[in-house]
Amino acid sequence: MTFTWDAADDTSISWAIAWVYGPDGPLPLEAYSQDFSERVSDTGNEASFTQTVTLPATAQPGTYTVYVSTGDSLGNRTMEQFGSFTVS
């Protein structure tokens, strides 16, 4: 699945990544297509990102929560809930 999101900061966004947590905790690193998301647009203090995550065949049924973490040019970081989905 692919997640796309926007981020804004008073300085500039240096990086962003989506993390997926399931019933057994975070997905293994092998589930992520790349270490960090891809920046698809940038207007200075605002940027859009996309990232692909593949659920393992052994993914447990239940609710999975997606968090987005971003960092700015000053070294500040945030992590916010982005959404959730259910595996049945």
N, C-alpha and C. Protein backbone atom coordinates (compact mmCIF):
# COMPACT_ATOMS: atom_id res chain seq x y z
N MET A 1 0.84 -1.17 0.00
CA MET A 1 0.00 0.00 0.00
C MET A 1 0.89 1.23 0.00
N THR A 2 0.37 2.30 -0.55
CA THR A 2 1.15 3.54 -0.64
C THR A 2 0.44 4.63 0.15
N PHE A 3 1.22 5.32 0.97
CA PHE A 3 0.71 6.44 1.76
C PHE A 3 1.28 7.73 1.18
N THR A 4 0.45 8.75 1.10
CA THR A 4 0.87 10.06 0.63
C THR A 4 0.37 11.09 1.63
N TRP A 5 1.25 12.04 2.01
CA TRP A 5 0.86 13.04 3.00
C TRP A 5 1.61 14.34 2.77
N ASP A 6 1.07 15.41 3.36
CA ASP A 6 1.67 16.73 3.30
C ASP A 6 2.23 17.08 4.67
N ALA A 7 3.31 17.84 4.67
CA ALA A 7 3.92 18.31 5.92
C ALA A 7 4.30 19.78 5.74
N ALA A 8 4.21 20.53 6.83
CA ALA A 8 4.57 21.95 6.80
C ALA A 8 5.36 22.28 8.06
N ASP A 9 6.25 23.26 7.94
CA ASP A 9 7.08 23.66 9.07
C ASP A 9 7.51 25.11 8.85
N ASP A 10 7.79 25.83 9.94
CA ASP A 10 8.23 27.22 9.82
C ASP A 10 9.60 27.33 9.15
N THR A 11 10.42 26.28 9.28
CA THR A 11 11.72 26.28 8.61
C THR A 11 11.55 25.50 7.32
N SER A 12 12.07 24.32 7.23
CA SER A 12 11.83 23.46 6.07
C SER A 12 11.88 22.01 6.52
N ILE A 13 11.14 21.16 5.85
CA ILE A 13 11.09 19.74 6.17
C ILE A 13 12.34 19.08 5.59
N SER A 14 13.12 18.41 6.44
CA SER A 14 14.33 17.73 6.00
C SER A 14 14.05 16.28 5.60
N TRP A 15 13.15 15.62 6.32
CA TRP A 15 12.86 14.22 6.04
C TRP A 15 11.49 13.87 6.60
N ALA A 16 10.98 12.74 6.13
CA ALA A 16 9.70 12.22 6.63
C ALA A 16 9.68 10.72 6.40
N ILE A 17 8.98 10.01 7.26
CA ILE A 17 8.84 8.56 7.12
C ILE A 17 7.53 8.12 7.74
N ALA A 18 6.91 7.11 7.13
CA ALA A 18 5.69 6.52 7.68
C ALA A 18 6.07 5.22 8.38
N TRP A 19 5.49 5.00 9.55
CA TRP A 19 5.69 3.77 10.31
C TRP A 19 4.34 3.10 10.49
N VAL A 20 4.31 1.78 10.37
CA VAL A 20 3.06 1.03 10.54
C VAL A 20 3.21 0.11 11.75
N TYR A 21 2.27 0.23 12.68
CA TYR A 21 2.24 -0.60 13.89
C TYR A 21 1.01 -1.48 13.84
N GLY A 22 1.20 -2.78 14.03
CA GLY A 22 0.10 -3.73 14.04
C GLY A 22 -0.09 -4.36 15.40
N PRO A 23 -0.88 -5.42 15.47
CA PRO A 23 -1.14 -6.07 16.74
C PRO A 23 0.14 -6.59 17.42
N ASP A 24 1.16 -6.91 16.63
CA ASP A 24 2.42 -7.42 17.19
C ASP A 24 3.50 -6.35 17.28
N GLY A 25 3.14 -5.07 17.11
CA GLY A 25 4.13 -4.00 17.14
C GLY A 25 4.46 -3.49 15.75
N PRO A 26 5.59 -2.82 15.61
CA PRO A 26 5.93 -2.24 14.30
C PRO A 26 6.23 -3.31 13.26
N LEU A 27 5.90 -3.01 12.00
CA LEU A 27 6.26 -3.92 10.92
C LEU A 27 7.77 -3.99 10.81
N PRO A 28 8.30 -5.13 10.35
CA PRO A 28 9.75 -5.24 10.19
C PRO A 28 10.24 -4.32 9.08
N LEU A 29 11.49 -3.93 9.15
CA LEU A 29 12.06 -3.00 8.17
C LEU A 29 11.92 -3.50 6.74
N GLU A 30 11.88 -4.82 6.55
CA GLU A 30 11.75 -5.38 5.20
C GLU A 30 10.43 -5.00 4.53
N ALA A 31 9.45 -4.55 5.32
CA ALA A 31 8.14 -4.18 4.78
C ALA A 31 8.18 -2.84 4.05
N TYR A 32 9.21 -2.05 4.30
CA TYR A 32 9.27 -0.70 3.75
C TYR A 32 10.09 -0.70 2.47
N SER A 33 9.60 0.03 1.47
CA SER A 33 10.26 0.04 0.17
C SER A 33 11.57 0.81 0.18
N GLN A 34 11.75 1.66 1.14
CA GLN A 34 12.95 2.49 1.22
C GLN A 34 13.09 2.97 2.65
N ASP A 35 14.26 3.46 3.01
CA ASP A 35 14.48 3.91 4.38
C ASP A 35 13.62 5.11 4.73
N PHE A 36 13.49 6.03 3.81
CA PHE A 36 12.67 7.21 4.03
C PHE A 36 11.71 7.38 2.87
N SER A 37 10.73 8.21 3.04
CA SER A 37 9.74 8.45 2.00
C SER A 37 10.36 9.24 0.85
N GLU A 38 9.62 9.27 -0.23
CA GLU A 38 10.04 10.06 -1.40
C GLU A 38 9.33 11.41 -1.35
N ARG A 39 10.10 12.48 -1.53
CA ARG A 39 9.53 13.83 -1.58
C ARG A 39 8.99 14.02 -2.99
N VAL A 40 7.68 14.26 -3.11
CA VAL A 40 7.08 14.40 -4.44
C VAL A 40 6.82 15.85 -4.82
N SER A 41 6.82 16.75 -3.84
CA SER A 41 6.73 18.18 -4.15
C SER A 41 7.28 18.95 -2.96
N ASP A 42 7.73 20.17 -3.24
CA ASP A 42 8.33 20.98 -2.18
C ASP A 42 8.17 22.45 -2.55
N THR A 43 7.54 23.21 -1.66
CA THR A 43 7.35 24.65 -1.92
C THR A 43 8.02 25.48 -0.83
N GLY A 44 9.13 25.00 -0.31
CA GLY A 44 9.82 25.74 0.75
C GLY A 44 9.47 25.20 2.11
N ASN A 45 8.42 25.75 2.73
CA ASN A 45 8.03 25.32 4.07
C ASN A 45 6.99 24.21 4.05
N GLU A 46 6.55 23.80 2.86
CA GLU A 46 5.58 22.72 2.74
C GLU A 46 6.11 21.69 1.76
N ALA A 47 5.84 20.42 2.03
CA ALA A 47 6.29 19.36 1.14
C ALA A 47 5.28 18.22 1.17
N SER A 48 5.23 17.45 0.09
CA SER A 48 4.40 16.26 0.01
C SER A 48 5.32 15.05 -0.11
N PHE A 49 4.93 13.96 0.54
CA PHE A 49 5.74 12.75 0.57
C PHE A 49 4.89 11.55 0.22
N THR A 50 5.55 10.51 -0.28
CA THR A 50 4.88 9.24 -0.55
C THR A 50 5.81 8.11 -0.11
N GLN A 51 5.20 7.03 0.35
CA GLN A 51 5.99 5.87 0.79
C GLN A 51 5.15 4.61 0.61
N THR A 52 5.79 3.56 0.11
CA THR A 52 5.12 2.28 -0.08
C THR A 52 5.52 1.31 1.02
N VAL A 53 4.53 0.62 1.56
CA VAL A 53 4.74 -0.38 2.60
C VAL A 53 4.03 -1.66 2.16
N THR A 54 4.71 -2.78 2.28
CA THR A 54 4.14 -4.08 1.92
C THR A 54 3.92 -4.90 3.18
N LEU A 55 2.68 -5.29 3.41
CA LEU A 55 2.40 -6.14 4.57
C LEU A 55 2.98 -7.52 4.32
N PRO A 56 3.65 -8.10 5.30
CA PRO A 56 4.17 -9.45 5.14
C PRO A 56 3.02 -10.45 5.02
N ALA A 57 3.27 -11.56 4.37
CA ALA A 57 2.24 -12.61 4.24
C ALA A 57 1.81 -13.12 5.60
N THR A 58 2.66 -12.95 6.59
CA THR A 58 2.36 -13.42 7.95
C THR A 58 1.69 -12.36 8.82
N ALA A 59 1.25 -11.25 8.21
CA ALA A 59 0.62 -10.17 8.98
C ALA A 59 -0.58 -10.70 9.75
N GLN A 60 -0.62 -10.39 11.03
CA GLN A 60 -1.70 -10.84 11.90
C GLN A 60 -2.98 -10.05 11.62
N PRO A 61 -4.14 -10.69 11.72
CA PRO A 61 -5.40 -9.94 11.61
C PRO A 61 -5.50 -8.91 12.74
N GLY A 62 -6.15 -7.81 12.45
CA GLY A 62 -6.36 -6.79 13.46
C GLY A 62 -6.21 -5.40 12.90
N THR A 63 -6.15 -4.43 13.78
CA THR A 63 -6.04 -3.02 13.40
C THR A 63 -4.57 -2.62 13.32
N TYR A 64 -4.23 -1.94 12.26
CA TYR A 64 -2.88 -1.41 12.05
C TYR A 64 -2.97 0.11 12.03
N THR A 65 -2.06 0.76 12.71
CA THR A 65 -2.05 2.22 12.80
C THR A 65 -0.83 2.76 12.07
N VAL A 66 -1.04 3.81 11.28
CA VAL A 66 0.04 4.44 10.52
C VAL A 66 0.41 5.75 11.22
N TYR A 67 1.69 5.93 11.47
CA TYR A 67 2.22 7.16 12.05
C TYR A 67 3.17 7.79 11.04
N VAL A 68 3.19 9.11 11.02
CA VAL A 68 4.11 9.85 10.15
C VAL A 68 5.05 10.65 11.04
N SER A 69 6.33 10.48 10.81
CA SER A 69 7.35 11.20 11.56
C SER A 69 8.06 12.14 10.59
N THR A 70 8.27 13.38 11.01
CA THR A 70 8.97 14.36 10.17
C THR A 70 10.05 15.06 10.98
N GLY A 71 11.05 15.55 10.28
CA GLY A 71 12.11 16.32 10.91
C GLY A 71 12.39 17.57 10.10
N ASP A 72 12.70 18.68 10.79
CA ASP A 72 12.97 19.92 10.08
C ASP A 72 14.47 20.22 10.05
N SER A 73 14.81 21.32 9.43
CA SER A 73 16.22 21.69 9.23
C SER A 73 16.91 22.08 10.54
N LEU A 74 16.14 22.29 11.62
CA LEU A 74 16.73 22.64 12.91
C LEU A 74 16.92 21.41 13.81
N GLY A 75 16.51 20.24 13.33
CA GLY A 75 16.65 19.03 14.12
C GLY A 75 15.43 18.67 14.95
N ASN A 76 14.35 19.44 14.84
CA ASN A 76 13.11 19.13 15.55
C ASN A 76 12.42 17.96 14.86
N ARG A 77 11.74 17.12 15.66
CA ARG A 77 11.04 15.96 15.11
C ARG A 77 9.63 15.89 15.67
N THR A 78 8.73 15.35 14.88
CA THR A 78 7.36 15.09 15.34
C THR A 78 6.95 13.70 14.89
N MET A 79 5.99 13.13 15.57
CA MET A 79 5.38 11.87 15.15
C MET A 79 3.90 11.97 15.43
N GLU A 80 3.09 11.81 14.39
CA GLU A 80 1.65 11.97 14.53
C GLU A 80 0.93 10.78 13.90
N GLN A 81 -0.23 10.44 14.47
CA GLN A 81 -1.03 9.38 13.88
C GLN A 81 -1.60 9.87 12.56
N PHE A 82 -1.47 9.04 11.52
CA PHE A 82 -1.91 9.40 10.18
C PHE A 82 -3.25 8.73 9.86
N GLY A 83 -3.45 7.53 10.35
CA GLY A 83 -4.68 6.80 10.06
C GLY A 83 -4.54 5.35 10.50
N SER A 84 -5.52 4.54 10.14
CA SER A 84 -5.47 3.13 10.49
C SER A 84 -6.21 2.31 9.43
N PHE A 85 -5.96 1.01 9.45
CA PHE A 85 -6.67 0.08 8.56
C PHE A 85 -6.76 -1.27 9.26
N THR A 86 -7.63 -2.12 8.77
CA THR A 86 -7.86 -3.41 9.39
C THR A 86 -7.48 -4.54 8.44
N VAL A 87 -6.78 -5.51 8.97
CA VAL A 87 -6.46 -6.73 8.23
C VAL A 87 -7.35 -7.83 8.81
N SER A 88 -8.05 -8.53 7.91
CA SER A 88 -8.94 -9.61 8.41
C SER A 88 -8.56 -10.94 7.83
